[in-house]
Amino acid sequence: MLIAAVGFVVLLIGSLGLPAPSGIDGISNVLVSPNWLIGTYLVLTLAELFLSPMGLSFVAKVAPPQYKGMMQGGWLAATAIGNLLVGVMGSFWEKLPLYAFWGVLIICCVLSALFIFSIIKRLEKATE
């Protein structure tokens, strides 16, 4: 989750000084390098590659054998719900300045990471 936060930091840095989406009337004449978006996707994909396999592996390890498939489906369902919530976040695109929009996503990622780190001892006990 901290790596995902870094991905949104890339977008925050790339959007500094740009007008808010609500302040653009029609087509903007401000050009931004696509490398900001490519860099963000690279970092977010790396974050996904770190988190998803570990999560699925953890679920497979701690789930009772008869519920293993259902629990892994639950992990993937939770991922789908997370993606839906990111879509809900998109409704704030024209309501917030760009730095605040990316800042909210950064804060959500950091809070998620802090939550995971706060329960890491419990998670380790579950795998013993």
N, C-alpha and C. Protein backbone atom coordinates (compact mmCIF):
# COMPACT_ATOMS: atom_id res chain seq x y z
N MET A 1 0.82 -1.20 0.00
CA MET A 1 0.00 0.00 0.00
C MET A 1 0.86 1.26 0.00
N LEU A 2 2.03 1.16 0.61
CA LEU A 2 2.92 2.33 0.57
C LEU A 2 3.43 2.56 -0.85
N ILE A 3 3.66 1.48 -1.59
CA ILE A 3 4.10 1.63 -2.99
C ILE A 3 2.98 2.26 -3.80
N ALA A 4 1.73 1.89 -3.54
CA ALA A 4 0.60 2.50 -4.24
C ALA A 4 0.52 3.99 -3.92
N ALA A 5 0.80 4.35 -2.67
CA ALA A 5 0.81 5.77 -2.30
C ALA A 5 1.86 6.52 -3.11
N VAL A 6 3.01 5.88 -3.33
CA VAL A 6 4.07 6.50 -4.14
C VAL A 6 3.57 6.73 -5.57
N GLY A 7 2.78 5.78 -6.09
CA GLY A 7 2.22 5.96 -7.43
C GLY A 7 1.36 7.21 -7.53
N PHE A 8 0.56 7.45 -6.50
CA PHE A 8 -0.27 8.66 -6.51
C PHE A 8 0.55 9.91 -6.24
N VAL A 9 1.67 9.76 -5.53
CA VAL A 9 2.58 10.91 -5.34
C VAL A 9 3.14 11.34 -6.70
N VAL A 10 3.42 10.38 -7.58
CA VAL A 10 3.90 10.71 -8.93
C VAL A 10 2.87 11.59 -9.63
N LEU A 11 1.59 11.22 -9.54
CA LEU A 11 0.55 12.04 -10.16
C LEU A 11 0.42 13.40 -9.49
N LEU A 12 0.56 13.43 -8.17
CA LEU A 12 0.47 14.70 -7.45
C LEU A 12 1.58 15.64 -7.93
N ILE A 13 2.80 15.13 -8.05
CA ILE A 13 3.91 15.96 -8.51
C ILE A 13 3.67 16.42 -9.95
N GLY A 14 3.19 15.50 -10.79
CA GLY A 14 2.94 15.85 -12.18
C GLY A 14 1.82 16.85 -12.38
N SER A 15 0.91 16.96 -11.41
CA SER A 15 -0.22 17.86 -11.58
C SER A 15 -0.05 19.20 -10.85
N LEU A 16 1.10 19.37 -10.18
CA LEU A 16 1.33 20.66 -9.51
C LEU A 16 1.35 21.79 -10.53
N GLY A 17 0.66 22.83 -10.22
CA GLY A 17 0.62 23.99 -11.10
C GLY A 17 -0.40 23.90 -12.22
N LEU A 18 -1.08 22.78 -12.33
CA LEU A 18 -2.10 22.64 -13.38
C LEU A 18 -3.44 23.15 -12.86
N PRO A 19 -4.28 23.65 -13.75
CA PRO A 19 -5.59 24.13 -13.30
C PRO A 19 -6.48 22.97 -12.87
N ALA A 20 -7.39 23.23 -11.95
CA ALA A 20 -8.35 22.22 -11.51
C ALA A 20 -9.26 21.87 -12.69
N PRO A 21 -9.74 20.64 -12.76
CA PRO A 21 -10.64 20.26 -13.85
C PRO A 21 -11.87 21.15 -13.94
N SER A 22 -12.38 21.63 -12.79
CA SER A 22 -13.54 22.51 -12.83
C SER A 22 -13.21 23.88 -13.41
N GLY A 23 -11.92 24.26 -13.40
CA GLY A 23 -11.51 25.55 -13.92
C GLY A 23 -11.23 25.55 -15.42
N ILE A 24 -11.31 24.39 -16.04
CA ILE A 24 -11.04 24.29 -17.48
C ILE A 24 -12.37 24.36 -18.22
N ASP A 25 -12.46 25.31 -19.11
CA ASP A 25 -13.68 25.47 -19.90
C ASP A 25 -13.41 24.97 -21.31
N GLY A 26 -13.84 23.76 -21.59
CA GLY A 26 -13.58 23.19 -22.91
C GLY A 26 -12.27 22.45 -22.92
N ILE A 27 -11.42 22.75 -23.90
CA ILE A 27 -10.15 22.06 -24.06
C ILE A 27 -9.04 22.93 -23.49
N SER A 28 -8.19 22.32 -22.66
CA SER A 28 -7.07 23.05 -22.07
C SER A 28 -5.92 23.12 -23.06
N ASN A 29 -5.20 24.22 -23.03
CA ASN A 29 -4.03 24.35 -23.90
C ASN A 29 -2.73 24.01 -23.15
N VAL A 30 -2.86 23.43 -21.94
CA VAL A 30 -1.70 23.02 -21.15
C VAL A 30 -1.37 21.57 -21.52
N LEU A 31 -0.14 21.36 -21.95
CA LEU A 31 0.30 20.01 -22.30
C LEU A 31 1.12 19.42 -21.16
N VAL A 32 0.90 18.15 -20.91
CA VAL A 32 1.63 17.42 -19.86
C VAL A 32 2.21 16.17 -20.51
N SER A 33 3.41 15.82 -20.12
CA SER A 33 4.06 14.64 -20.67
C SER A 33 3.30 13.37 -20.28
N PRO A 34 3.11 12.46 -21.21
CA PRO A 34 2.46 11.18 -20.87
C PRO A 34 3.32 10.32 -19.95
N ASN A 35 4.58 10.69 -19.78
CA ASN A 35 5.46 9.92 -18.91
C ASN A 35 5.00 9.93 -17.45
N TRP A 36 4.27 10.97 -17.05
CA TRP A 36 3.72 10.99 -15.69
C TRP A 36 2.72 9.85 -15.51
N LEU A 37 1.88 9.65 -16.48
CA LEU A 37 0.89 8.59 -16.41
C LEU A 37 1.54 7.21 -16.53
N ILE A 38 2.52 7.10 -17.41
CA ILE A 38 3.24 5.83 -17.56
C ILE A 38 3.95 5.48 -16.26
N GLY A 39 4.59 6.47 -15.64
CA GLY A 39 5.28 6.24 -14.37
C GLY A 39 4.31 5.82 -13.27
N THR A 40 3.15 6.46 -13.26
CA THR A 40 2.13 6.10 -12.26
C THR A 40 1.67 4.67 -12.45
N TYR A 41 1.35 4.30 -13.69
CA TYR A 41 0.90 2.93 -13.96
C TYR A 41 1.99 1.92 -13.60
N LEU A 42 3.22 2.27 -13.87
CA LEU A 42 4.32 1.38 -13.53
C LEU A 42 4.38 1.12 -12.02
N VAL A 43 4.31 2.19 -11.25
CA VAL A 43 4.39 2.06 -9.80
C VAL A 43 3.16 1.35 -9.24
N LEU A 44 1.96 1.69 -9.74
CA LEU A 44 0.74 1.05 -9.25
C LEU A 44 0.70 -0.44 -9.62
N THR A 45 1.21 -0.78 -10.79
CA THR A 45 1.27 -2.19 -11.19
C THR A 45 2.24 -2.94 -10.29
N LEU A 46 3.37 -2.32 -9.98
CA LEU A 46 4.32 -2.93 -9.06
C LEU A 46 3.68 -3.15 -7.69
N ALA A 47 2.93 -2.17 -7.21
CA ALA A 47 2.24 -2.30 -5.93
C ALA A 47 1.25 -3.46 -5.97
N GLU A 48 0.51 -3.57 -7.05
CA GLU A 48 -0.45 -4.67 -7.19
C GLU A 48 0.27 -6.02 -7.21
N LEU A 49 1.41 -6.08 -7.87
CA LEU A 49 2.17 -7.33 -7.93
C LEU A 49 2.73 -7.73 -6.57
N PHE A 50 2.97 -6.77 -5.70
CA PHE A 50 3.41 -7.08 -4.36
C PHE A 50 2.25 -7.52 -3.47
N LEU A 51 1.12 -6.84 -3.59
CA LEU A 51 0.02 -7.05 -2.64
C LEU A 51 -0.86 -8.25 -2.98
N SER A 52 -1.28 -8.37 -4.21
CA SER A 52 -2.28 -9.38 -4.57
C SER A 52 -1.80 -10.82 -4.36
N PRO A 53 -0.64 -11.21 -4.87
CA PRO A 53 -0.22 -12.59 -4.64
C PRO A 53 0.00 -12.93 -3.17
N MET A 54 0.51 -11.95 -2.40
CA MET A 54 0.70 -12.20 -0.97
C MET A 54 -0.63 -12.39 -0.28
N GLY A 55 -1.62 -11.59 -0.65
CA GLY A 55 -2.94 -11.70 -0.05
C GLY A 55 -3.60 -13.03 -0.38
N LEU A 56 -3.54 -13.41 -1.65
CA LEU A 56 -4.14 -14.70 -2.04
C LEU A 56 -3.42 -15.86 -1.36
N SER A 57 -2.12 -15.77 -1.25
CA SER A 57 -1.35 -16.82 -0.59
C SER A 57 -1.71 -16.90 0.90
N PHE A 58 -1.84 -15.75 1.53
CA PHE A 58 -2.22 -15.71 2.95
C PHE A 58 -3.59 -16.33 3.16
N VAL A 59 -4.55 -15.96 2.30
CA VAL A 59 -5.90 -16.50 2.42
C VAL A 59 -5.87 -18.01 2.23
N ALA A 60 -5.11 -18.50 1.27
CA ALA A 60 -5.02 -19.94 1.03
C ALA A 60 -4.39 -20.66 2.21
N LYS A 61 -3.47 -19.97 2.89
CA LYS A 61 -2.76 -20.60 4.01
C LYS A 61 -3.63 -20.71 5.27
N VAL A 62 -4.45 -19.69 5.54
CA VAL A 62 -5.20 -19.66 6.80
C VAL A 62 -6.63 -20.17 6.67
N ALA A 63 -7.15 -20.29 5.47
CA ALA A 63 -8.53 -20.74 5.29
C ALA A 63 -8.65 -22.24 5.54
N PRO A 64 -9.75 -22.66 6.14
CA PRO A 64 -9.98 -24.10 6.27
C PRO A 64 -10.05 -24.73 4.87
N PRO A 65 -9.56 -25.96 4.71
CA PRO A 65 -9.48 -26.57 3.38
C PRO A 65 -10.80 -26.56 2.62
N GLN A 66 -11.91 -26.80 3.32
CA GLN A 66 -13.19 -26.86 2.62
C GLN A 66 -13.69 -25.49 2.15
N TYR A 67 -13.12 -24.41 2.69
CA TYR A 67 -13.55 -23.05 2.31
C TYR A 67 -12.48 -22.28 1.54
N LYS A 68 -11.40 -22.94 1.19
CA LYS A 68 -10.27 -22.26 0.57
C LYS A 68 -10.67 -21.51 -0.70
N GLY A 69 -11.39 -22.17 -1.60
CA GLY A 69 -11.81 -21.52 -2.85
C GLY A 69 -12.74 -20.35 -2.61
N MET A 70 -13.66 -20.53 -1.67
CA MET A 70 -14.61 -19.46 -1.37
C MET A 70 -13.88 -18.27 -0.75
N MET A 71 -12.92 -18.52 0.10
CA MET A 71 -12.16 -17.44 0.73
C MET A 71 -11.31 -16.68 -0.29
N GLN A 72 -10.73 -17.40 -1.24
CA GLN A 72 -9.97 -16.72 -2.29
C GLN A 72 -10.91 -15.89 -3.16
N GLY A 73 -12.09 -16.40 -3.40
CA GLY A 73 -13.10 -15.61 -4.11
C GLY A 73 -13.47 -14.36 -3.33
N GLY A 74 -13.52 -14.50 -1.99
CA GLY A 74 -13.78 -13.33 -1.14
C GLY A 74 -12.69 -12.29 -1.25
N TRP A 75 -11.44 -12.75 -1.34
CA TRP A 75 -10.31 -11.82 -1.53
C TRP A 75 -10.49 -11.05 -2.84
N LEU A 76 -10.83 -11.77 -3.90
CA LEU A 76 -11.01 -11.12 -5.20
C LEU A 76 -12.24 -10.21 -5.20
N ALA A 77 -13.28 -10.61 -4.45
CA ALA A 77 -14.46 -9.74 -4.32
C ALA A 77 -14.10 -8.45 -3.58
N ALA A 78 -13.24 -8.57 -2.55
CA ALA A 78 -12.80 -7.37 -1.83
C ALA A 78 -12.00 -6.46 -2.76
N THR A 79 -11.20 -7.06 -3.64
CA THR A 79 -10.47 -6.27 -4.62
C THR A 79 -11.44 -5.54 -5.55
N ALA A 80 -12.50 -6.23 -5.96
CA ALA A 80 -13.50 -5.61 -6.83
C ALA A 80 -14.20 -4.45 -6.12
N ILE A 81 -14.50 -4.62 -4.84
CA ILE A 81 -15.14 -3.54 -4.07
C ILE A 81 -14.19 -2.36 -3.94
N GLY A 82 -12.91 -2.63 -3.75
CA GLY A 82 -11.92 -1.56 -3.70
C GLY A 82 -11.86 -0.79 -5.01
N ASN A 83 -11.92 -1.51 -6.12
CA ASN A 83 -11.93 -0.85 -7.43
C ASN A 83 -13.19 -0.01 -7.62
N LEU A 84 -14.32 -0.50 -7.11
CA LEU A 84 -15.56 0.27 -7.17
C LEU A 84 -15.43 1.57 -6.37
N LEU A 85 -14.81 1.47 -5.19
CA LEU A 85 -14.65 2.67 -4.36
C LEU A 85 -13.71 3.69 -5.00
N VAL A 86 -12.72 3.21 -5.75
CA VAL A 86 -11.86 4.14 -6.49
C VAL A 86 -12.70 4.85 -7.56
N GLY A 87 -13.64 4.12 -8.15
CA GLY A 87 -14.55 4.75 -9.12
C GLY A 87 -15.43 5.80 -8.46
N VAL A 88 -15.86 5.54 -7.23
CA VAL A 88 -16.64 6.53 -6.49
C VAL A 88 -15.78 7.76 -6.24
N MET A 89 -14.50 7.54 -5.96
CA MET A 89 -13.58 8.66 -5.76
C MET A 89 -13.55 9.56 -6.99
N GLY A 90 -13.73 8.97 -8.16
CA GLY A 90 -13.75 9.76 -9.40
C GLY A 90 -14.84 10.81 -9.44
N SER A 91 -15.88 10.65 -8.62
CA SER A 91 -16.95 11.66 -8.59
C SER A 91 -16.47 12.99 -8.00
N PHE A 92 -15.32 12.96 -7.33
CA PHE A 92 -14.76 14.19 -6.77
C PHE A 92 -13.79 14.89 -7.72
N TRP A 93 -13.64 14.37 -8.93
CA TRP A 93 -12.67 14.90 -9.89
C TRP A 93 -12.86 16.39 -10.13
N GLU A 94 -14.08 16.82 -10.35
CA GLU A 94 -14.32 18.24 -10.63
C GLU A 94 -14.62 19.05 -9.38
N LYS A 95 -14.69 18.39 -8.24
CA LYS A 95 -15.03 19.10 -6.99
C LYS A 95 -13.81 19.49 -6.18
N LEU A 96 -12.68 18.85 -6.44
CA LEU A 96 -11.46 19.10 -5.66
C LEU A 96 -10.35 19.62 -6.57
N PRO A 97 -9.44 20.42 -6.01
CA PRO A 97 -8.23 20.75 -6.77
C PRO A 97 -7.42 19.47 -6.98
N LEU A 98 -6.59 19.46 -8.01
CA LEU A 98 -5.85 18.24 -8.33
C LEU A 98 -4.99 17.74 -7.18
N TYR A 99 -4.28 18.65 -6.51
CA TYR A 99 -3.42 18.21 -5.40
C TYR A 99 -4.25 17.56 -4.29
N ALA A 100 -5.45 18.06 -4.03
CA ALA A 100 -6.30 17.49 -2.99
C ALA A 100 -6.86 16.14 -3.43
N PHE A 101 -7.21 16.01 -4.71
CA PHE A 101 -7.73 14.75 -5.23
C PHE A 101 -6.70 13.64 -5.05
N TRP A 102 -5.47 13.89 -5.51
CA TRP A 102 -4.42 12.88 -5.37
C TRP A 102 -4.04 12.71 -3.90
N GLY A 103 -4.11 13.78 -3.14
CA GLY A 103 -3.80 13.71 -1.71
C GLY A 103 -4.75 12.78 -0.95
N VAL A 104 -6.02 12.81 -1.30
CA VAL A 104 -6.99 11.92 -0.66
C VAL A 104 -6.61 10.46 -0.94
N LEU A 105 -6.25 10.16 -2.17
CA LEU A 105 -5.85 8.79 -2.51
C LEU A 105 -4.57 8.38 -1.80
N ILE A 106 -3.63 9.31 -1.68
CA ILE A 106 -2.38 9.03 -0.95
C ILE A 106 -2.69 8.73 0.51
N ILE A 107 -3.53 9.55 1.11
CA ILE A 107 -3.89 9.35 2.52
C ILE A 107 -4.60 8.02 2.72
N CYS A 108 -5.50 7.66 1.81
CA CYS A 108 -6.19 6.36 1.91
C CYS A 108 -5.20 5.20 1.84
N CYS A 109 -4.23 5.29 0.95
CA CYS A 109 -3.22 4.23 0.84
C CYS A 109 -2.37 4.15 2.10
N VAL A 110 -1.95 5.29 2.62
CA VAL A 110 -1.12 5.30 3.82
C VAL A 110 -1.90 4.77 5.02
N LEU A 111 -3.18 5.17 5.15
CA LEU A 111 -4.00 4.65 6.25
C LEU A 111 -4.19 3.14 6.14
N SER A 112 -4.38 2.66 4.92
CA SER A 112 -4.50 1.21 4.73
C SER A 112 -3.21 0.50 5.13
N ALA A 113 -2.09 1.06 4.75
CA ALA A 113 -0.80 0.47 5.13
C ALA A 113 -0.62 0.48 6.64
N LEU A 114 -0.98 1.57 7.28
CA LEU A 114 -0.87 1.63 8.75
C LEU A 114 -1.76 0.59 9.40
N PHE A 115 -2.96 0.39 8.87
CA PHE A 115 -3.85 -0.64 9.41
C PHE A 115 -3.22 -2.02 9.26
N ILE A 116 -2.69 -2.30 8.08
CA ILE A 116 -2.05 -3.60 7.85
C ILE A 116 -0.88 -3.80 8.81
N PHE A 117 -0.05 -2.77 8.96
CA PHE A 117 1.09 -2.89 9.87
C PHE A 117 0.63 -3.05 11.32
N SER A 118 -0.52 -2.46 11.67
CA SER A 118 -1.00 -2.55 13.05
C SER A 118 -1.50 -3.95 13.39
N ILE A 119 -1.91 -4.73 12.40
CA ILE A 119 -2.41 -6.08 12.68
C ILE A 119 -1.44 -7.17 12.20
N ILE A 120 -0.23 -6.79 11.88
CA ILE A 120 0.73 -7.75 11.33
C ILE A 120 1.04 -8.88 12.31
N LYS A 121 1.08 -8.57 13.61
CA LYS A 121 1.36 -9.62 14.60
C LYS A 121 0.24 -10.66 14.60
N ARG A 122 -1.00 -10.20 14.53
CA ARG A 122 -2.14 -11.13 14.47
C ARG A 122 -2.07 -11.99 13.21
N LEU A 123 -1.71 -11.36 12.11
CA LEU A 123 -1.63 -12.10 10.86
C LEU A 123 -0.53 -13.16 10.92
N GLU A 124 0.58 -12.81 11.54
CA GLU A 124 1.69 -13.77 11.68
C GLU A 124 1.28 -14.93 12.59
N LYS A 125 0.52 -14.64 13.66
CA LYS A 125 0.05 -15.70 14.56
C LYS A 125 -0.90 -16.65 13.84
N ALA A 126 -1.68 -16.11 12.92
CA ALA A 126 -2.65 -16.94 12.20
C ALA A 126 -1.98 -17.95 11.28
N THR A 127 -0.76 -17.66 10.87
CA THR A 127 -0.06 -18.57 9.96
C THR A 127 0.81 -19.58 10.68
N GLU A 128 0.91 -19.50 11.98
CA GLU A 128 1.77 -20.45 12.73
C GLU A 128 1.12 -21.80 12.87
